Amino acid sequence: MADLLTTWRARLGDNFNNTGHNTLHASEDMVVKNIGRKDPYKNFKFRISLDGKPVLGVSKVSAIKRTTEVIKHRVGNDPSHDSKSPGRTTYDPITLERGITHDSEFEKWSRTIHSFGGDAMMDLAGYKRELILEIMNKKGNVVHRYFLHKAWVSEYTALLDLDANANAIAIESLKIEIEGFEHDLITKEPDEKSDDRTQSK
């Protein structure tokens, strides 16, 4: 976990510098190992890392999504329908939720953007950070990995509603802006018959 992003780029080699960053050459790593698998992966086993270190207690992560604007155009003698081409691409913010503990990492990160102490407390050099989202199978093997680039906190909820008649966990949350994400396509499919959790890392 020390520096997954650097390791990932090193493994990609020249492929990372091509126009299609994640376009890999065919290799034995891409062979399907679990031919008999019928069930899709579940959405309740995952791990978030911030600058290579796991963030403890995260219980919910919103969808990772990008949208490319459509530019419509036609000239006077074209047929009576539009031509379409891609315009600017935007990446939706993601939201992280976790139960409140004495771990203050969420609050510390939010303070790099704004602090009651004034603008001088802002960390202009370090407020954008790298996130890694890992999806795991039920055995705890990593099956998919996403790199979320240049992430920074646009909204920090220190405490959600309190209710004396409720029976629930106290939650804090972050809304995080990102400037891009990449899917690590070279994460190997784990052998589901094996107990070795290190093979997919």
Foldseek 3Di string as FASTA:
>chain_A
DQAVPVVLPVVQPVCCVDPNNQDDDDDPLPDDQCVVDDDDADDQDKWKAWNRHTDPFWGDKDDKDKDWDWDWDDDDPDPPDTDIDTDDMFTAWMKIKGFDDPDCPLVVLQVLCPDPVDPVSHDPPPSFTKMKMFGAHPLRATAKIKIFGRKHFPDKAPWDDDDPPDDDGTMIMTTIGTDDMDISPSQGGDNPVDNDRPNRD
